[in-house]
Amino acid sequence: MMSIATYLPRLTYVDLRDLPSCNVLPPLGQLPNLAILNIVGMDNIKKIDGSFYGGERAFPRLGFFHLSNMKLLEEWNASYSSVAFPELCEFNINNCPLLRFKSCLPCPLPQTEVASVASIESSDQVLLSSWENRGPVGASSSAAIAQLDVKCCEVPLHQWNLLRHVPCLKQLTIIDCSDLTCGSTDLLQCISSLEYLTLKDCKNGIVALPERLGDLTSLKEFKVQNCTGIKSLPESIRQLTCLQRLQINHCPGLVQWCKSEENKMKLALIKEIILDDKRFLVIRRRYETWRDQN
């Protein structure tokens, strides 16, 4: 397979699955028409490096990349090709518990029109990945990643160093994670471009949202679903002046907090509030009237 690009130049789909004796990946990056790539359950692979890229301009047409159940994979160094993954739309990492990135995640170049989606599930070390920035934004960051989905993460939010390398992130979905503490770190300022935030099924141990939530100054829509431990919104919710829609479902304590007269003024700038599928339209004029009277 080391000459696969020569013999199979028209190949568009590759699925490498359950090959326990393989310890080096072939140079799949040189397949000129490869569009979909799945690598699953290859237990002897410990590193992804230059042999996988096979040279410059790697993975020129790859759109979907799924990496799953790589239990011994420890390192991915993406610095072997200066131009790689120019058309990547979706990159999924699932159950790779030891994997850390030595440089940016695979994503299209920032100047392209492709908006990339990354999904990380049960792979905590990926979120801990950090690397030194060199040059302008995009030279060493995953700047083209517009959407990030994180599922089943046990490390606390303030350790998610990966968020420091996605400066153009627009949408973040957090599902079934166990710790959203952020402390006094500036981590959320690194994703101040975020417009859509969803928290879902975060039931185990999460009793509060980060006080630094107000750092997400571009946030337009905020959803909290089935997070029964969360009982209130932080005071910094007042700082989210761009927030247009707040939706809360199956969070009894949080719904009651939003309905209380004491807290209604904290939410007065939000145009639309949905509490357990019941819609409440909050007119900005009401807030302005209250402000003038006080």
C-alpha atoms as a PDB file:
ATOM      1  CA  MET A   1       0.000   0.000   0.000  1.00  0.00           C
ATOM      2  CA  MET A   2       2.979   2.351   0.164  1.00  0.00           C
ATOM      3  CA  SER A   3       2.469   3.093  -3.564  1.00  0.00           C
ATOM      4  CA  ILE A   4      -1.313   3.246  -3.361  1.00  0.00           C
ATOM      5  CA  ALA A   5      -1.515   6.679  -4.993  1.00  0.00           C
ATOM      6  CA  THR A   6       0.262   5.351  -8.089  1.00  0.00           C
ATOM      7  CA  TYR A   7      -1.901   2.268  -8.522  1.00  0.00           C
ATOM      8  CA  LEU A   8      -5.287   3.608  -7.379  1.00  0.00           C
ATOM      9  CA  PRO A   9      -5.395   7.313  -8.308  1.00  0.00           C
ATOM     10  CA  ARG A  10      -9.210   7.320  -8.676  1.00  0.00           C
ATOM     11  CA  LEU A  11      -9.894   5.943  -5.212  1.00  0.00           C
ATOM     12  CA  THR A  12     -12.466   8.095  -3.382  1.00  0.00           C
ATOM     13  CA  TYR A  13     -13.320   6.050  -0.247  1.00  0.00           C
ATOM     14  CA  VAL A  14     -10.992   4.246   2.177  1.00  0.00           C
ATOM     15  CA  ASP A  15     -12.017   2.327   5.313  1.00  0.00           C
ATOM     16  CA  LEU A  16      -9.139   0.880   7.363  1.00  0.00           C
ATOM     17  CA  ARG A  17     -10.655  -1.143  10.182  1.00  0.00           C
ATOM     18  CA  ASP A  18      -9.429  -3.668  12.783  1.00  0.00           C
ATOM     19  CA  LEU A  19      -5.930  -4.284  11.452  1.00  0.00           C
ATOM     20  CA  PRO A  20      -4.016  -5.140  14.657  1.00  0.00           C
ATOM     21  CA  SER A  21      -0.675  -5.932  12.951  1.00  0.00           C
ATOM     22  CA  CYS A  22      -0.372  -2.630  11.099  1.00  0.00           C
ATOM     23  CA  ASN A  23       1.988  -0.183  12.855  1.00  0.00           C
ATOM     24  CA  VAL A  24       2.475   2.440  10.103  1.00  0.00           C
ATOM     25  CA  LEU A  25      -0.257   4.104   8.079  1.00  0.00           C
ATOM     26  CA  PRO A  26       0.240   4.235   4.290  1.00  0.00           C
ATOM     27  CA  PRO A  27       0.645   7.625   2.524  1.00  0.00           C
ATOM     28  CA  LEU A  28      -3.069   8.139   2.000  1.00  0.00           C
ATOM     29  CA  GLY A  29      -2.510  11.878   1.760  1.00  0.00           C
ATOM     30  CA  GLN A  30      -1.256  11.474  -1.796  1.00  0.00           C
ATOM     31  CA  LEU A  31      -4.477   9.928  -3.123  1.00  0.00           C
ATOM     32  CA  PRO A  32      -5.633  12.764  -5.416  1.00  0.00           C
ATOM     33  CA  ASN A  33      -9.373  11.941  -5.281  1.00  0.00           C
ATOM     34  CA  LEU A  34      -9.841  10.583  -1.769  1.00  0.00           C
ATOM     35  CA  ALA A  35     -13.053  12.127  -0.360  1.00  0.00           C
ATOM     36  CA  ILE A  36     -13.973   9.927   2.651  1.00  0.00           C
ATOM     37  CA  LEU A  37     -11.540   8.298   5.094  1.00  0.00           C
ATOM     38  CA  ASN A  38     -12.351   6.074   8.082  1.00  0.00           C
ATOM     39  CA  ILE A  39      -9.600   4.703  10.339  1.00  0.00           C
ATOM     40  CA  VAL A  40     -11.024   2.474  13.083  1.00  0.00           C
ATOM     41  CA  GLY A  41      -9.631   0.071  15.661  1.00  0.00           C
ATOM     42  CA  MET A  42      -5.995  -0.120  14.521  1.00  0.00           C
ATOM     43  CA  ASP A  43      -4.547  -0.921  17.921  1.00  0.00           C
ATOM     44  CA  ASN A  44      -0.869  -0.958  16.951  1.00  0.00           C
ATOM     45  CA  ILE A  45      -0.730   2.620  15.599  1.00  0.00           C
ATOM     46  CA  LYS A  46       0.932   4.930  18.127  1.00  0.00           C
ATOM     47  CA  LYS A  47       1.809   7.934  15.970  1.00  0.00           C
ATOM     48  CA  ILE A  48       0.531   9.771  12.909  1.00  0.00           C
ATOM     49  CA  ASP A  49       3.307  11.643  11.149  1.00  0.00           C
ATOM     50  CA  GLY A  50       4.850  12.378   7.761  1.00  0.00           C
ATOM     51  CA  SER A  51       4.413   8.869   6.388  1.00  0.00           C
ATOM     52  CA  PHE A  52       0.651   9.378   6.523  1.00  0.00           C
ATOM     53  CA  TYR A  53       0.812  12.646   4.553  1.00  0.00           C
ATOM     54  CA  GLY A  54       3.304  11.316   2.027  1.00  0.00           C
ATOM     55  CA  GLY A  55       4.571  14.774   1.060  1.00  0.00           C
ATOM     56  CA  GLU A  56       3.271  18.229   0.243  1.00  0.00           C
ATOM     57  CA  ARG A  57      -0.331  19.089  -0.698  1.00  0.00           C
ATOM     58  CA  ALA A  58      -1.758  16.119   1.187  1.00  0.00           C
ATOM     59  CA  PHE A  59      -5.420  15.071   1.092  1.00  0.00           C
ATOM     60  CA  PRO A  60      -6.353  17.585  -1.647  1.00  0.00           C
ATOM     61  CA  ARG A  61     -10.029  16.492  -1.885  1.00  0.00           C
ATOM     62  CA  LEU A  62     -10.737  14.851   1.461  1.00  0.00           C
ATOM     63  CA  GLY A  63     -14.078  16.056   2.818  1.00  0.00           C
ATOM     64  CA  PHE A  64     -14.873  13.637   5.674  1.00  0.00           C
ATOM     65  CA  PHE A  65     -12.380  12.067   8.085  1.00  0.00           C
ATOM     66  CA  HIS A  66     -13.391   9.719  10.932  1.00  0.00           C
ATOM     67  CA  LEU A  67     -10.860   8.428  13.484  1.00  0.00           C
ATOM     68  CA  SER A  68     -12.204   5.982  16.071  1.00  0.00           C
ATOM     69  CA  ASN A  69     -11.178   3.439  18.709  1.00  0.00           C
ATOM     70  CA  MET A  70      -7.432   4.060  18.401  1.00  0.00           C
ATOM     71  CA  LYS A  71      -6.595   3.095  21.966  1.00  0.00           C
ATOM     72  CA  LEU A  72      -2.783   3.358  21.715  1.00  0.00           C
ATOM     73  CA  LEU A  73      -2.549   6.372  19.408  1.00  0.00           C
ATOM     74  CA  GLU A  74      -0.596   8.995  21.374  1.00  0.00           C
ATOM     75  CA  GLU A  75       0.595  11.655  18.964  1.00  0.00           C
ATOM     76  CA  TRP A  76      -0.457  13.423  15.794  1.00  0.00           C
ATOM     77  CA  ASN A  77       2.018  15.833  14.261  1.00  0.00           C
ATOM     78  CA  ALA A  78       0.332  17.756  11.461  1.00  0.00           C
ATOM     79  CA  SER A  79       3.337  19.887  10.556  1.00  0.00           C
ATOM     80  CA  TYR A  80       4.613  17.615   7.798  1.00  0.00           C
ATOM     81  CA  SER A  81       2.644  19.244   4.993  1.00  0.00           C
ATOM     82  CA  SER A  82       2.359  22.989   4.521  1.00  0.00           C
ATOM     83  CA  VAL A  83      -0.842  22.586   2.486  1.00  0.00           C
ATOM     84  CA  ALA A  84      -3.154  19.792   3.653  1.00  0.00           C
ATOM     85  CA  PHE A  85      -6.891  19.130   3.923  1.00  0.00           C
ATOM     86  CA  PRO A  86      -7.939  22.171   1.821  1.00  0.00           C
ATOM     87  CA  GLU A  87     -11.513  20.843   1.390  1.00  0.00           C
ATOM     88  CA  LEU A  88     -12.077  19.101   4.742  1.00  0.00           C
ATOM     89  CA  CYS A  89     -15.662  19.639   5.939  1.00  0.00           C
ATOM     90  CA  GLU A  90     -15.938  17.245   8.890  1.00  0.00           C
ATOM     91  CA  PHE A  91     -13.370  15.661  11.209  1.00  0.00           C
ATOM     92  CA  ASN A  92     -14.482  13.206  13.933  1.00  0.00           C
ATOM     93  CA  ILE A  93     -12.376  11.775  16.771  1.00  0.00           C
ATOM     94  CA  ASN A  94     -14.017   9.106  18.909  1.00  0.00           C
ATOM     95  CA  ASN A  95     -12.527   7.049  21.730  1.00  0.00           C
ATOM     96  CA  CYS A  96      -8.873   7.949  21.243  1.00  0.00           C
ATOM     97  CA  PRO A  97      -8.031   8.386  24.960  1.00  0.00           C
ATOM     98  CA  LEU A  98      -4.262   9.002  24.631  1.00  0.00           C
ATOM     99  CA  LEU A  99      -4.188  11.191  21.526  1.00  0.00           C
ATOM    100  CA  ARG A 100      -2.657  14.672  21.659  1.00  0.00           C
ATOM    101  CA  PHE A 101      -1.956  17.001  18.760  1.00  0.00           C
ATOM    102  CA  LYS A 102       1.512  18.512  18.368  1.00  0.00           C
ATOM    103  CA  SER A 103       0.156  21.139  15.988  1.00  0.00           C
ATOM    104  CA  CYS A 104      -3.222  22.199  14.603  1.00  0.00           C
ATOM    105  CA  LEU A 105      -6.122  19.850  13.966  1.00  0.00           C
ATOM    106  CA  PRO A 106      -6.786  18.916  10.338  1.00  0.00           C
ATOM    107  CA  CYS A 107      -8.875  21.682   8.806  1.00  0.00           C
ATOM    108  CA  PRO A 108      -9.062  23.677   5.566  1.00  0.00           C
ATOM    109  CA  LEU A 109      -6.898  26.738   5.148  1.00  0.00           C
ATOM    110  CA  PRO A 110      -8.432  29.903   6.692  1.00  0.00           C
ATOM    111  CA  GLN A 111      -8.586  31.725   3.365  1.00  0.00           C
ATOM    112  CA  THR A 112     -10.781  29.030   1.774  1.00  0.00           C
ATOM    113  CA  GLU A 113     -14.582  29.177   1.813  1.00  0.00           C
ATOM    114  CA  VAL A 114     -14.896  25.774   3.509  1.00  0.00           C
ATOM    115  CA  ALA A 115     -16.208  25.890   7.099  1.00  0.00           C
ATOM    116  CA  SER A 116     -14.998  22.848   9.002  1.00  0.00           C
ATOM    117  CA  VAL A 117     -16.831  20.888  11.717  1.00  0.00           C
ATOM    118  CA  ALA A 118     -14.827  19.009  14.361  1.00  0.00           C
ATOM    119  CA  SER A 119     -16.297  16.427  16.740  1.00  0.00           C
ATOM    120  CA  ILE A 120     -14.411  15.079  19.779  1.00  0.00           C
ATOM    121  CA  GLU A 121     -15.898  12.255  21.866  1.00  0.00           C
ATOM    122  CA  SER A 122     -14.313  10.351  24.767  1.00  0.00           C
ATOM    123  CA  SER A 123     -10.894  11.737  23.807  1.00  0.00           C
ATOM    124  CA  ASP A 124      -9.962  14.060  26.660  1.00  0.00           C
ATOM    125  CA  GLN A 125      -6.288  14.402  25.765  1.00  0.00           C
ATOM    126  CA  VAL A 126      -7.220  16.010  22.441  1.00  0.00           C
ATOM    127  CA  LEU A 127      -8.879  18.840  24.377  1.00  0.00           C
ATOM    128  CA  LEU A 128      -5.717  19.241  26.464  1.00  0.00           C
ATOM    129  CA  SER A 129      -3.587  19.661  23.346  1.00  0.00           C
ATOM    130  CA  SER A 130      -1.642  22.898  23.118  1.00  0.00           C
ATOM    131  CA  TRP A 131       1.107  24.160  20.869  1.00  0.00           C
ATOM    132  CA  GLU A 132       3.120  27.303  20.462  1.00  0.00           C
ATOM    133  CA  ASN A 133       1.666  29.924  18.160  1.00  0.00           C
ATOM    134  CA  ARG A 134       3.979  31.091  15.404  1.00  0.00           C
ATOM    135  CA  GLY A 135       3.106  33.780  12.921  1.00  0.00           C
ATOM    136  CA  PRO A 136      -0.373  35.143  12.117  1.00  0.00           C
ATOM    137  CA  VAL A 137      -3.654  33.487  13.029  1.00  0.00           C
ATOM    138  CA  GLY A 138      -4.069  30.428  10.846  1.00  0.00           C
ATOM    139  CA  ALA A 139      -0.368  29.664  10.534  1.00  0.00           C
ATOM    140  CA  SER A 140      -0.441  27.421  13.585  1.00  0.00           C
ATOM    141  CA  SER A 141      -4.077  27.336  14.640  1.00  0.00           C
ATOM    142  CA  SER A 142      -7.191  25.472  13.527  1.00  0.00           C
ATOM    143  CA  ALA A 143      -8.596  28.809  12.412  1.00  0.00           C
ATOM    144  CA  ALA A 144     -11.036  27.430   9.842  1.00  0.00           C
ATOM    145  CA  ILE A 145     -12.938  25.301  12.374  1.00  0.00           C
ATOM    146  CA  ALA A 146     -16.360  26.939  12.629  1.00  0.00           C
ATOM    147  CA  GLN A 147     -18.179  24.284  14.670  1.00  0.00           C
ATOM    148  CA  LEU A 148     -16.920  22.103  17.521  1.00  0.00           C
ATOM    149  CA  ASP A 149     -18.898  19.319  19.212  1.00  0.00           C
ATOM    150  CA  VAL A 150     -17.497  17.883  22.466  1.00  0.00           C
ATOM    151  CA  LYS A 151     -19.066  14.774  23.996  1.00  0.00           C
ATOM    152  CA  CYS A 152     -18.296  12.667  27.079  1.00  0.00           C
ATOM    153  CA  CYS A 153     -15.403  14.736  28.415  1.00  0.00           C
ATOM    154  CA  GLU A 154     -14.259  14.409  32.046  1.00  0.00           C
ATOM    155  CA  VAL A 155     -11.562  17.112  32.261  1.00  0.00           C
ATOM    156  CA  PRO A 156     -12.731  20.547  33.480  1.00  0.00           C
ATOM    157  CA  LEU A 157     -13.477  23.286  30.975  1.00  0.00           C
ATOM    158  CA  HIS A 158     -10.592  25.500  32.097  1.00  0.00           C
ATOM    159  CA  GLN A 159      -8.152  22.821  30.839  1.00  0.00           C
ATOM    160  CA  TRP A 160      -9.542  22.732  27.309  1.00  0.00           C
ATOM    161  CA  ASN A 161      -6.437  24.280  25.751  1.00  0.00           C
ATOM    162  CA  LEU A 162      -7.708  23.383  22.304  1.00  0.00           C
ATOM    163  CA  LEU A 163     -10.132  26.329  22.528  1.00  0.00           C
ATOM    164  CA  ARG A 164      -7.134  28.665  22.388  1.00  0.00           C
ATOM    165  CA  HIS A 165      -6.460  27.484  18.843  1.00  0.00           C
ATOM    166  CA  VAL A 166      -9.906  27.897  17.255  1.00  0.00           C
ATOM    167  CA  PRO A 167     -10.189  31.715  17.102  1.00  0.00           C
ATOM    168  CA  CYS A 168     -12.950  31.712  14.467  1.00  0.00           C
ATOM    169  CA  LEU A 169     -15.246  29.236  16.228  1.00  0.00           C
ATOM    170  CA  LYS A 170     -18.939  30.110  15.699  1.00  0.00           C
ATOM    171  CA  GLN A 171     -20.768  27.147  17.234  1.00  0.00           C
ATOM    172  CA  LEU A 172     -19.913  25.025  20.281  1.00  0.00           C
ATOM    173  CA  THR A 173     -21.990  22.064  21.491  1.00  0.00           C
ATOM    174  CA  ILE A 174     -21.104  20.360  24.786  1.00  0.00           C
ATOM    175  CA  ILE A 175     -22.826  17.018  25.489  1.00  0.00           C
ATOM    176  CA  ASP A 176     -22.600  14.781  28.554  1.00  0.00           C
ATOM    177  CA  CYS A 177     -19.521  16.453  30.019  1.00  0.00           C
ATOM    178  CA  SER A 178     -18.830  16.439  33.750  1.00  0.00           C
ATOM    179  CA  ASP A 179     -17.092  19.722  34.646  1.00  0.00           C
ATOM    180  CA  LEU A 180     -17.726  23.202  33.237  1.00  0.00           C
ATOM    181  CA  THR A 181     -15.688  25.131  35.792  1.00  0.00           C
ATOM    182  CA  CYS A 182     -13.676  27.891  34.181  1.00  0.00           C
ATOM    183  CA  GLY A 183     -12.287  29.807  37.166  1.00  0.00           C
ATOM    184  CA  SER A 184     -10.497  33.056  36.456  1.00  0.00           C
ATOM    185  CA  THR A 185      -8.849  31.912  33.216  1.00  0.00           C
ATOM    186  CA  ASP A 186      -9.210  33.896  29.981  1.00  0.00           C
ATOM    187  CA  LEU A 187     -10.150  30.770  28.049  1.00  0.00           C
ATOM    188  CA  LEU A 188     -13.595  31.959  26.944  1.00  0.00           C
ATOM    189  CA  GLN A 189     -12.095  35.209  25.664  1.00  0.00           C
ATOM    190  CA  CYS A 190     -10.214  33.086  23.125  1.00  0.00           C
ATOM    191  CA  ILE A 191     -13.532  32.104  21.531  1.00  0.00           C
ATOM    192  CA  SER A 192     -15.209  35.511  21.794  1.00  0.00           C
ATOM    193  CA  SER A 193     -16.364  35.023  18.172  1.00  0.00           C
ATOM    194  CA  LEU A 194     -18.751  32.272  19.357  1.00  0.00           C
ATOM    195  CA  GLU A 195     -22.372  32.875  18.288  1.00  0.00           C
ATOM    196  CA  TYR A 196     -24.141  29.624  19.243  1.00  0.00           C
ATOM    197  CA  LEU A 197     -23.630  27.663  22.463  1.00  0.00           C
ATOM    198  CA  THR A 198     -25.488  24.468  23.444  1.00  0.00           C
ATOM    199  CA  LEU A 199     -25.161  22.490  26.682  1.00  0.00           C
ATOM    200  CA  LYS A 200     -26.914  19.124  26.669  1.00  0.00           C
ATOM    201  CA  ASP A 201     -27.186  16.132  29.018  1.00  0.00           C
ATOM    202  CA  CYS A 202     -24.522  17.489  31.392  1.00  0.00           C
ATOM    203  CA  LYS A 203     -26.085  15.996  34.513  1.00  0.00           C
ATOM    204  CA  ASN A 204     -23.261  14.486  36.540  1.00  0.00           C
ATOM    205  CA  GLY A 205     -21.908  16.996  39.020  1.00  0.00           C
ATOM    206  CA  ILE A 206     -22.458  20.206  37.040  1.00  0.00           C
ATOM    207  CA  VAL A 207     -24.276  22.639  39.316  1.00  0.00           C
ATOM    208  CA  ALA A 208     -23.270  26.002  37.831  1.00  0.00           C
ATOM    209  CA  LEU A 209     -22.303  27.717  34.606  1.00  0.00           C
ATOM    210  CA  PRO A 210     -18.979  29.555  34.258  1.00  0.00           C
ATOM    211  CA  GLU A 211     -19.083  33.063  35.725  1.00  0.00           C
ATOM    212  CA  ARG A 212     -16.917  34.148  32.784  1.00  0.00           C
ATOM    213  CA  LEU A 213     -19.793  33.324  30.422  1.00  0.00           C
ATOM    214  CA  GLY A 214     -20.044  37.072  29.818  1.00  0.00           C
ATOM    215  CA  ASP A 215     -16.744  36.910  27.897  1.00  0.00           C
ATOM    216  CA  LEU A 216     -18.668  35.406  24.972  1.00  0.00           C
ATOM    217  CA  THR A 217     -19.613  38.863  23.754  1.00  0.00           C
ATOM    218  CA  SER A 218     -20.751  37.720  20.275  1.00  0.00           C
ATOM    219  CA  LEU A 219     -23.149  35.052  21.564  1.00  0.00           C
ATOM    220  CA  LYS A 220     -26.536  35.164  19.793  1.00  0.00           C
ATOM    221  CA  GLU A 221     -28.160  31.911  20.915  1.00  0.00           C
ATOM    222  CA  PHE A 222     -27.739  29.910  24.132  1.00  0.00           C
ATOM    223  CA  LYS A 223     -29.409  26.528  24.761  1.00  0.00           C
ATOM    224  CA  VAL A 224     -29.361  24.445  27.950  1.00  0.00           C
ATOM    225  CA  GLN A 225     -31.054  21.057  27.710  1.00  0.00           C
ATOM    226  CA  ASN A 226     -31.388  18.308  30.310  1.00  0.00           C
ATOM    227  CA  CYS A 227     -28.784  19.723  32.683  1.00  0.00           C
ATOM    228  CA  THR A 228     -30.755  19.229  35.894  1.00  0.00           C
ATOM    229  CA  GLY A 229     -27.970  20.290  38.267  1.00  0.00           C
ATOM    230  CA  ILE A 230     -27.807  23.860  36.940  1.00  0.00           C
ATOM    231  CA  LYS A 231     -30.033  26.100  39.046  1.00  0.00           C
ATOM    232  CA  SER A 232     -29.116  29.620  37.905  1.00  0.00           C
ATOM    233  CA  LEU A 233     -27.429  31.766  35.287  1.00  0.00           C
ATOM    234  CA  PRO A 234     -24.298  33.735  36.227  1.00  0.00           C
ATOM    235  CA  GLU A 235     -24.461  37.484  36.844  1.00  0.00           C
ATOM    236  CA  SER A 236     -22.370  37.997  33.724  1.00  0.00           C
ATOM    237  CA  ILE A 237     -25.408  37.074  31.616  1.00  0.00           C
ATOM    238  CA  ARG A 238     -26.090  40.829  31.568  1.00  0.00           C
ATOM    239  CA  GLN A 239     -22.922  41.325  29.493  1.00  0.00           C
ATOM    240  CA  LEU A 240     -24.269  39.257  26.600  1.00  0.00           C
ATOM    241  CA  THR A 241     -25.774  42.229  24.785  1.00  0.00           C
ATOM    242  CA  CYS A 242     -25.913  40.338  21.459  1.00  0.00           C
ATOM    243  CA  LEU A 243     -27.889  37.426  22.913  1.00  0.00           C
ATOM    244  CA  GLN A 244     -31.189  37.152  21.033  1.00  0.00           C
ATOM    245  CA  ARG A 245     -32.448  33.709  22.027  1.00  0.00           C
ATOM    246  CA  LEU A 246     -32.307  31.744  25.286  1.00  0.00           C
ATOM    247  CA  GLN A 247     -33.762  28.224  25.315  1.00  0.00           C
ATOM    248  CA  ILE A 248     -33.937  26.040  28.432  1.00  0.00           C
ATOM    249  CA  ASN A 249     -35.499  22.571  28.433  1.00  0.00           C
ATOM    250  CA  HIS A 250     -35.740  19.932  31.166  1.00  0.00           C
ATOM    251  CA  CYS A 251     -33.806  21.974  33.724  1.00  0.00           C
ATOM    252  CA  PRO A 252     -36.451  22.559  36.443  1.00  0.00           C
ATOM    253  CA  GLY A 253     -34.324  24.652  38.792  1.00  0.00           C
ATOM    254  CA  LEU A 254     -33.013  26.875  36.018  1.00  0.00           C
ATOM    255  CA  VAL A 255     -36.494  27.389  34.567  1.00  0.00           C
ATOM    256  CA  GLN A 256     -37.770  28.559  37.956  1.00  0.00           C
ATOM    257  CA  TRP A 257     -34.798  30.916  38.285  1.00  0.00           C
ATOM    258  CA  CYS A 258     -35.657  32.523  34.947  1.00  0.00           C
ATOM    259  CA  LYS A 259     -39.311  32.925  35.891  1.00  0.00           C
ATOM    260  CA  SER A 260     -38.677  34.675  39.196  1.00  0.00           C
ATOM    261  CA  GLU A 261     -39.426  38.393  39.303  1.00  0.00           C
ATOM    262  CA  GLU A 262     -36.020  39.058  40.837  1.00  0.00           C
ATOM    263  CA  ASN A 263     -34.185  37.665  37.804  1.00  0.00           C
ATOM    264  CA  LYS A 264     -36.416  38.816  34.939  1.00  0.00           C
ATOM    265  CA  MET A 265     -34.589  42.119  34.569  1.00  0.00           C
ATOM    266  CA  LYS A 266     -31.292  40.263  34.164  1.00  0.00           C
ATOM    267  CA  LEU A 267     -32.766  38.739  31.018  1.00  0.00           C
ATOM    268  CA  ALA A 268     -34.648  41.796  29.792  1.00  0.00           C
ATOM    269  CA  LEU A 269     -32.384  42.438  26.787  1.00  0.00           C
ATOM    270  CA  ILE A 270     -33.026  38.965  25.346  1.00  0.00           C
ATOM    271  CA  LYS A 271     -35.655  39.154  22.603  1.00  0.00           C
ATOM    272  CA  GLU A 272     -36.856  35.550  22.817  1.00  0.00           C
ATOM    273  CA  ILE A 273     -36.863  33.156  25.781  1.00  0.00           C
ATOM    274  CA  ILE A 274     -38.133  29.567  25.551  1.00  0.00           C
ATOM    275  CA  LEU A 275     -38.658  27.711  28.838  1.00  0.00           C
ATOM    276  CA  ASP A 276     -39.718  24.059  28.439  1.00  0.00           C
ATOM    277  CA  ASP A 277     -41.165  24.762  24.980  1.00  0.00           C
ATOM    278  CA  LYS A 278     -43.175  27.765  26.200  1.00  0.00           C
ATOM    279  CA  ARG A 279     -42.208  30.908  24.365  1.00  0.00           C
ATOM    280  CA  PHE A 280     -41.718  34.245  26.129  1.00  0.00           C
ATOM    281  CA  LEU A 281     -41.066  37.310  24.003  1.00  0.00           C
ATOM    282  CA  VAL A 282     -39.125  39.929  25.898  1.00  0.00           C
ATOM    283  CA  ILE A 283     -39.550  43.365  24.359  1.00  0.00           C
ATOM    284  CA  ARG A 284     -36.542  45.658  24.639  1.00  0.00           C
ATOM    285  CA  ARG A 285     -38.914  48.552  25.297  1.00  0.00           C
ATOM    286  CA  ARG A 286     -39.850  47.032  28.654  1.00  0.00           C
ATOM    287  CA  TYR A 287     -36.252  47.151  29.789  1.00  0.00           C
ATOM    288  CA  GLU A 288     -35.834  50.736  28.593  1.00  0.00           C
ATOM    289  CA  THR A 289     -38.947  51.781  30.526  1.00  0.00           C
ATOM    290  CA  TRP A 290     -37.678  50.131  33.687  1.00  0.00           C
ATOM    291  CA  ARG A 291     -34.263  51.781  33.213  1.00  0.00           C
ATOM    292  CA  ASP A 292     -35.797  55.243  32.824  1.00  0.00           C
ATOM    293  CA  GLN A 293     -37.895  54.787  35.933  1.00  0.00           C
ATOM    294  CA  ASN A 294     -34.928  53.732  38.025  1.00  0.00           C
END
